[in-house]
Amino acid sequence: MADWGPVIIAVVLFVLLTPGLLFQIPGRSRVVEFGNMQTSGASIVVHAIIFFGLITIFLIAIGVHIYTG
């Protein structure tokens, strides 16, 4: 029996938090830009911190588990 919870949560968060895909914090000309498909070093760091925080909450604090088999 495999636990697919961490894999699914990580993939969904990675796609949603890709800088420039849905939103970018900080943007090039504003604090938040939506759908500009561009990125910067600062936005990569901010999105990585948000990703780490959310993955920690979902996997450790809440304990999401999806079992198959």
PDB file of N, CA and C in Angstrom:
ATOM      1  N   MET A   1       0.848  -1.166   0.000  1.00  0.00           N
ATOM      2  CA  MET A   1       0.000   0.000   0.000  1.00  0.00           C
ATOM      3  C   MET A   1       0.901   1.239   0.000  1.00  0.00           C
ATOM      4  N   ALA A   2       0.716   2.115  -0.966  1.00  0.00           N
ATOM      5  CA  ALA A   2       1.569   3.286  -1.107  1.00  0.00           C
ATOM      6  C   ALA A   2       0.828   4.546  -0.656  1.00  0.00           C
ATOM      7  N   ASP A   3       1.558   5.444  -0.026  1.00  0.00           N
ATOM      8  CA  ASP A   3       1.002   6.715   0.417  1.00  0.00           C
ATOM      9  C   ASP A   3       1.302   7.772  -0.648  1.00  0.00           C
ATOM     10  N   TRP A   4       0.293   8.157  -1.424  1.00  0.00           N
ATOM     11  CA  TRP A   4       0.453   9.120  -2.505  1.00  0.00           C
ATOM     12  C   TRP A   4       0.132  10.544  -2.080  1.00  0.00           C
ATOM     13  N   GLY A   5      -0.255  10.779  -0.851  1.00  0.00           N
ATOM     14  CA  GLY A   5      -0.605  12.111  -0.371  1.00  0.00           C
ATOM     15  C   GLY A   5       0.499  13.136  -0.557  1.00  0.00           C
ATOM     16  N   PRO A   6       1.710  12.872  -0.075  1.00  0.00           N
ATOM     17  CA  PRO A   6       2.790  13.848  -0.241  1.00  0.00           C
ATOM     18  C   PRO A   6       3.122  14.133  -1.703  1.00  0.00           C
ATOM     19  N   VAL A   7       3.053  13.123  -2.549  1.00  0.00           N
ATOM     20  CA  VAL A   7       3.378  13.313  -3.969  1.00  0.00           C
ATOM     21  C   VAL A   7       2.341  14.215  -4.639  1.00  0.00           C
ATOM     22  N   ILE A   8       1.075  13.932  -4.408  1.00  0.00           N
ATOM     23  CA  ILE A   8       0.006  14.724  -5.039  1.00  0.00           C
ATOM     24  C   ILE A   8       0.013  16.156  -4.523  1.00  0.00           C
ATOM     25  N   ILE A   9       0.148  16.335  -3.222  1.00  0.00           N
ATOM     26  CA  ILE A   9       0.183  17.680  -2.645  1.00  0.00           C
ATOM     27  C   ILE A   9       1.376  18.463  -3.195  1.00  0.00           C
ATOM     28  N   ALA A  10       2.549  17.843  -3.273  1.00  0.00           N
ATOM     29  CA  ALA A  10       3.739  18.531  -3.771  1.00  0.00           C
ATOM     30  C   ALA A  10       3.587  18.931  -5.234  1.00  0.00           C
ATOM     31  N   VAL A  11       3.039  18.048  -6.062  1.00  0.00           N
ATOM     32  CA  VAL A  11       2.873  18.371  -7.481  1.00  0.00           C
ATOM     33  C   VAL A  11       1.870  19.505  -7.676  1.00  0.00           C
ATOM     34  N   VAL A  12       0.746  19.443  -6.970  1.00  0.00           N
ATOM     35  CA  VAL A  12      -0.270  20.500  -7.102  1.00  0.00           C
ATOM     36  C   VAL A  12       0.278  21.840  -6.636  1.00  0.00           C
ATOM     37  N   LEU A  13       0.957  21.863  -5.495  1.00  0.00           N
ATOM     38  CA  LEU A  13       1.533  23.115  -5.015  1.00  0.00           C
ATOM     39  C   LEU A  13       2.624  23.629  -5.947  1.00  0.00           C
ATOM     40  N   PHE A  14       3.433  22.735  -6.498  1.00  0.00           N
ATOM     41  CA  PHE A  14       4.484  23.162  -7.417  1.00  0.00           C
ATOM     42  C   PHE A  14       3.896  23.839  -8.650  1.00  0.00           C
ATOM     43  N   VAL A  15       2.845  23.253  -9.196  1.00  0.00           N
ATOM     44  CA  VAL A  15       2.216  23.835 -10.387  1.00  0.00           C
ATOM     45  C   VAL A  15       1.552  25.168 -10.047  1.00  0.00           C
ATOM     46  N   LEU A  16       0.820  25.220  -8.940  1.00  0.00           N
ATOM     47  CA  LEU A  16       0.109  26.446  -8.582  1.00  0.00           C
ATOM     48  C   LEU A  16       1.044  27.579  -8.162  1.00  0.00           C
ATOM     49  N   LEU A  17       2.182  27.231  -7.571  1.00  0.00           N
ATOM     50  CA  LEU A  17       3.097  28.259  -7.069  1.00  0.00           C
ATOM     51  C   LEU A  17       4.266  28.539  -7.998  1.00  0.00           C
ATOM     52  N   THR A  18       4.221  28.090  -9.230  1.00  0.00           N
ATOM     53  CA  THR A  18       5.260  28.429 -10.185  1.00  0.00           C
ATOM     54  C   THR A  18       5.216  29.931 -10.445  1.00  0.00           C
ATOM     55  N   PRO A  19       6.312  30.656 -10.182  1.00  0.00           N
ATOM     56  CA  PRO A  19       6.285  32.108 -10.349  1.00  0.00           C
ATOM     57  C   PRO A  19       5.940  32.507 -11.775  1.00  0.00           C
ATOM     58  N   GLY A  20       4.938  33.363 -11.914  1.00  0.00           N
ATOM     59  CA  GLY A  20       4.549  33.881 -13.216  1.00  0.00           C
ATOM     60  C   GLY A  20       3.429  33.121 -13.885  1.00  0.00           C
ATOM     61  N   LEU A  21       3.128  31.909 -13.434  1.00  0.00           N
ATOM     62  CA  LEU A  21       2.067  31.137 -14.068  1.00  0.00           C
ATOM     63  C   LEU A  21       0.702  31.699 -13.688  1.00  0.00           C
ATOM     64  N   LEU A  22       0.338  31.669 -12.429  1.00  0.00           N
ATOM     65  CA  LEU A  22      -0.914  32.270 -11.972  1.00  0.00           C
ATOM     66  C   LEU A  22      -0.680  33.666 -11.417  1.00  0.00           C
ATOM     67  N   PHE A  23       0.343  33.784 -10.575  1.00  0.00           N
ATOM     68  CA  PHE A  23       0.678  35.079  -9.987  1.00  0.00           C
ATOM     69  C   PHE A  23       2.166  35.111  -9.685  1.00  0.00           C
ATOM     70  N   GLN A  24       2.663  36.316  -9.411  1.00  0.00           N
ATOM     71  CA  GLN A  24       4.079  36.490  -9.089  1.00  0.00           C
ATOM     72  C   GLN A  24       4.197  37.510  -7.971  1.00  0.00           C
ATOM     73  N   ILE A  25       4.867  37.110  -6.886  1.00  0.00           N
ATOM     74  CA  ILE A  25       5.133  38.006  -5.764  1.00  0.00           C
ATOM     75  C   ILE A  25       6.637  38.032  -5.570  1.00  0.00           C
ATOM     76  N   PRO A  26       7.364  39.092  -5.562  1.00  0.00           N
ATOM     77  CA  PRO A  26       7.009  40.412  -6.052  1.00  0.00           C
ATOM     78  C   PRO A  26       7.084  40.459  -7.574  1.00  0.00           C
ATOM     79  N   GLY A  27       6.242  41.264  -8.151  1.00  0.00           N
ATOM     80  CA  GLY A  27       6.248  41.427  -9.600  1.00  0.00           C
ATOM     81  C   GLY A  27       7.333  42.387 -10.041  1.00  0.00           C
ATOM     82  N   ARG A  28       7.464  42.560 -11.328  1.00  0.00           N
ATOM     83  CA  ARG A  28       8.496  43.475 -11.841  1.00  0.00           C
ATOM     84  C   ARG A  28       8.108  44.939 -11.654  1.00  0.00           C
ATOM     85  N   SER A  29       6.812  45.260 -11.797  1.00  0.00           N
ATOM     86  CA  SER A  29       6.398  46.652 -11.656  1.00  0.00           C
ATOM     87  C   SER A  29       5.421  46.869 -10.509  1.00  0.00           C
ATOM     88  N   ARG A  30       4.823  45.800  -9.977  1.00  0.00           N
ATOM     89  CA  ARG A  30       3.881  45.887  -8.862  1.00  0.00           C
ATOM     90  C   ARG A  30       4.244  44.843  -7.824  1.00  0.00           C
ATOM     91  N   VAL A  31       3.543  44.892  -6.696  1.00  0.00           N
ATOM     92  CA  VAL A  31       3.797  43.899  -5.656  1.00  0.00           C
ATOM     93  C   VAL A  31       3.328  42.522  -6.107  1.00  0.00           C
ATOM     94  N   VAL A  32       2.136  42.448  -6.694  1.00  0.00           N
ATOM     95  CA  VAL A  32       1.591  41.190  -7.197  1.00  0.00           C
ATOM     96  C   VAL A  32       1.204  41.382  -8.654  1.00  0.00           C
ATOM     97  N   GLU A  33       1.672  40.500  -9.519  1.00  0.00           N
ATOM     98  CA  GLU A  33       1.281  40.502 -10.929  1.00  0.00           C
ATOM     99  C   GLU A  33       0.659  39.152 -11.243  1.00  0.00           C
ATOM    100  N   PHE A  34      -0.346  39.153 -12.098  1.00  0.00           N
ATOM    101  CA  PHE A  34      -1.071  37.938 -12.426  1.00  0.00           C
ATOM    102  C   PHE A  34      -0.821  37.534 -13.866  1.00  0.00           C
ATOM    103  N   GLY A  35      -0.419  36.276 -14.082  1.00  0.00           N
ATOM    104  CA  GLY A  35      -0.290  35.690 -15.405  1.00  0.00           C
ATOM    105  C   GLY A  35       0.665  36.371 -16.352  1.00  0.00           C
ATOM    106  N   ASN A  36       1.803  36.872 -15.872  1.00  0.00           N
ATOM    107  CA  ASN A  36       2.720  37.569 -16.764  1.00  0.00           C
ATOM    108  C   ASN A  36       3.763  36.658 -17.405  1.00  0.00           C
ATOM    109  N   MET A  37       3.870  35.393 -16.947  1.00  0.00           N
ATOM    110  CA  MET A  37       4.796  34.397 -17.506  1.00  0.00           C
ATOM    111  C   MET A  37       6.256  34.857 -17.494  1.00  0.00           C
ATOM    112  N   GLN A  38       6.603  35.712 -16.540  1.00  0.00           N
ATOM    113  CA  GLN A  38       7.990  36.125 -16.339  1.00  0.00           C
ATOM    114  C   GLN A  38       8.342  35.861 -14.880  1.00  0.00           C
ATOM    115  N   THR A  39       9.624  35.844 -14.583  1.00  0.00           N
ATOM    116  CA  THR A  39      10.034  35.589 -13.203  1.00  0.00           C
ATOM    117  C   THR A  39      11.322  36.350 -12.895  1.00  0.00           C
ATOM    118  N   SER A  40      11.654  36.398 -11.632  1.00  0.00           N
ATOM    119  CA  SER A  40      12.892  37.025 -11.184  1.00  0.00           C
ATOM    120  C   SER A  40      13.434  36.221 -10.016  1.00  0.00           C
ATOM    121  N   GLY A  41      14.639  36.514  -9.624  1.00  0.00           N
ATOM    122  CA  GLY A  41      15.246  35.784  -8.519  1.00  0.00           C
ATOM    123  C   GLY A  41      14.502  35.980  -7.210  1.00  0.00           C
ATOM    124  N   ALA A  42      14.053  37.205  -6.973  1.00  0.00           N
ATOM    125  CA  ALA A  42      13.310  37.487  -5.740  1.00  0.00           C
ATOM    126  C   ALA A  42      11.997  36.729  -5.694  1.00  0.00           C
ATOM    127  N   SER A  43      11.307  36.643  -6.824  1.00  0.00           N
ATOM    128  CA  SER A  43      10.029  35.926  -6.834  1.00  0.00           C
ATOM    129  C   SER A  43      10.237  34.422  -6.660  1.00  0.00           C
ATOM    130  N   ILE A  44      11.338  33.886  -7.157  1.00  0.00           N
ATOM    131  CA  ILE A  44      11.634  32.470  -6.957  1.00  0.00           C
ATOM    132  C   ILE A  44      11.836  32.184  -5.469  1.00  0.00           C
ATOM    133  N   VAL A  45      12.546  33.052  -4.777  1.00  0.00           N
ATOM    134  CA  VAL A  45      12.777  32.876  -3.343  1.00  0.00           C
ATOM    135  C   VAL A  45      11.468  32.980  -2.567  1.00  0.00           C
ATOM    136  N   VAL A  46      10.635  33.973  -2.874  1.00  0.00           N
ATOM    137  CA  VAL A  46       9.357  34.155  -2.173  1.00  0.00           C
ATOM    138  C   VAL A  46       8.445  32.958  -2.406  1.00  0.00           C
ATOM    139  N   HIS A  47       8.345  32.489  -3.643  1.00  0.00           N
ATOM    140  CA  HIS A  47       7.484  31.349  -3.943  1.00  0.00           C
ATOM    141  C   HIS A  47       8.031  30.063  -3.309  1.00  0.00           C
ATOM    142  N   ALA A  48       9.343  29.921  -3.197  1.00  0.00           N
ATOM    143  CA  ALA A  48       9.925  28.749  -2.534  1.00  0.00           C
ATOM    144  C   ALA A  48       9.593  28.748  -1.047  1.00  0.00           C
ATOM    145  N   ILE A  49       9.619  29.906  -0.416  1.00  0.00           N
ATOM    146  CA  ILE A  49       9.269  30.008   1.002  1.00  0.00           C
ATOM    147  C   ILE A  49       7.790  29.693   1.211  1.00  0.00           C
ATOM    148  N   ILE A  50       6.921  30.208   0.330  1.00  0.00           N
ATOM    149  CA  ILE A  50       5.492  29.901   0.420  1.00  0.00           C
ATOM    150  C   ILE A  50       5.264  28.409   0.206  1.00  0.00           C
ATOM    151  N   PHE A  51       5.932  27.810  -0.777  1.00  0.00           N
ATOM    152  CA  PHE A  51       5.811  26.373  -1.038  1.00  0.00           C
ATOM    153  C   PHE A  51       6.226  25.566   0.184  1.00  0.00           C
ATOM    154  N   PHE A  52       7.364  25.891   0.766  1.00  0.00           N
ATOM    155  CA  PHE A  52       7.848  25.167   1.940  1.00  0.00           C
ATOM    156  C   PHE A  52       6.866  25.276   3.102  1.00  0.00           C
ATOM    157  N   GLY A  53       6.330  26.474   3.315  1.00  0.00           N
ATOM    158  CA  GLY A  53       5.365  26.661   4.400  1.00  0.00           C
ATOM    159  C   GLY A  53       4.103  25.856   4.193  1.00  0.00           C
ATOM    160  N   LEU A  54       3.549  25.885   2.971  1.00  0.00           N
ATOM    161  CA  LEU A  54       2.317  25.149   2.704  1.00  0.00           C
ATOM    162  C   LEU A  54       2.529  23.637   2.730  1.00  0.00           C
ATOM    163  N   ILE A  55       3.642  23.164   2.191  1.00  0.00           N
ATOM    164  CA  ILE A  55       3.889  21.724   2.194  1.00  0.00           C
ATOM    165  C   ILE A  55       4.100  21.234   3.625  1.00  0.00           C
ATOM    166  N   THR A  56       4.709  22.048   4.460  1.00  0.00           N
ATOM    167  CA  THR A  56       4.888  21.693   5.867  1.00  0.00           C
ATOM    168  C   THR A  56       3.542  21.613   6.580  1.00  0.00           C
ATOM    169  N   ILE A  57       2.673  22.576   6.320  1.00  0.00           N
ATOM    170  CA  ILE A  57       1.345  22.569   6.945  1.00  0.00           C
ATOM    171  C   ILE A  57       0.545  21.352   6.502  1.00  0.00           C
ATOM    172  N   PHE A  58       0.509  21.087   5.190  1.00  0.00           N
ATOM    173  CA  PHE A  58      -0.312  19.989   4.687  1.00  0.00           C
ATOM    174  C   PHE A  58       0.213  18.615   5.094  1.00  0.00           C
ATOM    175  N   LEU A  59       1.517  18.430   5.091  1.00  0.00           N
ATOM    176  CA  LEU A  59       2.059  17.102   5.331  1.00  0.00           C
ATOM    177  C   LEU A  59       2.365  16.814   6.798  1.00  0.00           C
ATOM    178  N   ILE A  60       2.813  17.799   7.541  1.00  0.00           N
ATOM    179  CA  ILE A  60       3.188  17.546   8.921  1.00  0.00           C
ATOM    180  C   ILE A  60       2.069  17.930   9.892  1.00  0.00           C
ATOM    181  N   ALA A  61       1.535  19.140   9.761  1.00  0.00           N
ATOM    182  CA  ALA A  61       0.527  19.589  10.715  1.00  0.00           C
ATOM    183  C   ALA A  61      -0.825  18.907  10.482  1.00  0.00           C
ATOM    184  N   ILE A  62      -1.289  18.844   9.245  1.00  0.00           N
ATOM    185  CA  ILE A  62      -2.574  18.241   8.946  1.00  0.00           C
ATOM    186  C   ILE A  62      -2.424  16.741   8.739  1.00  0.00           C
ATOM    187  N   GLY A  63      -1.372  16.321   8.085  1.00  0.00           N
ATOM    188  CA  GLY A  63      -1.111  14.902   7.869  1.00  0.00           C
ATOM    189  C   GLY A  63      -1.966  14.308   6.763  1.00  0.00           C
ATOM    190  N   VAL A  64      -1.867  14.865   5.556  1.00  0.00           N
ATOM    191  CA  VAL A  64      -2.634  14.361   4.414  1.00  0.00           C
ATOM    192  C   VAL A  64      -2.052  13.028   3.950  1.00  0.00           C
ATOM    193  N   HIS A  65      -2.903  12.020   3.846  1.00  0.00           N
ATOM    194  CA  HIS A  65      -2.487  10.702   3.384  1.00  0.00           C
ATOM    195  C   HIS A  65      -3.504  10.195   2.354  1.00  0.00           C
ATOM    196  N   ILE A  66      -3.021   9.677   1.241  1.00  0.00           N
ATOM    197  CA  ILE A  66      -3.865   9.059   0.231  1.00  0.00           C
ATOM    198  C   ILE A  66      -3.242   7.694  -0.052  1.00  0.00           C
ATOM    199  N   TYR A  67      -3.949   6.641   0.327  1.00  0.00           N
ATOM    200  CA  TYR A  67      -3.427   5.281   0.162  1.00  0.00           C
ATOM    201  C   TYR A  67      -4.042   4.615  -1.067  1.00  0.00           C
ATOM    202  N   THR A  68      -3.238   3.890  -1.793  1.00  0.00           N
ATOM    203  CA  THR A  68      -3.723   3.122  -2.948  1.00  0.00           C
ATOM    204  C   THR A  68      -3.334   1.667  -2.753  1.00  0.00           C
ATOM    205  N   GLY A  69      -4.041   0.813  -3.449  1.00  0.00           N
ATOM    206  CA  GLY A  69      -3.628  -0.571  -3.408  1.00  0.00           C
ATOM    207  C   GLY A  69      -4.670  -1.494  -2.979  1.00  0.00           C
TER     208      GLY A  69
END
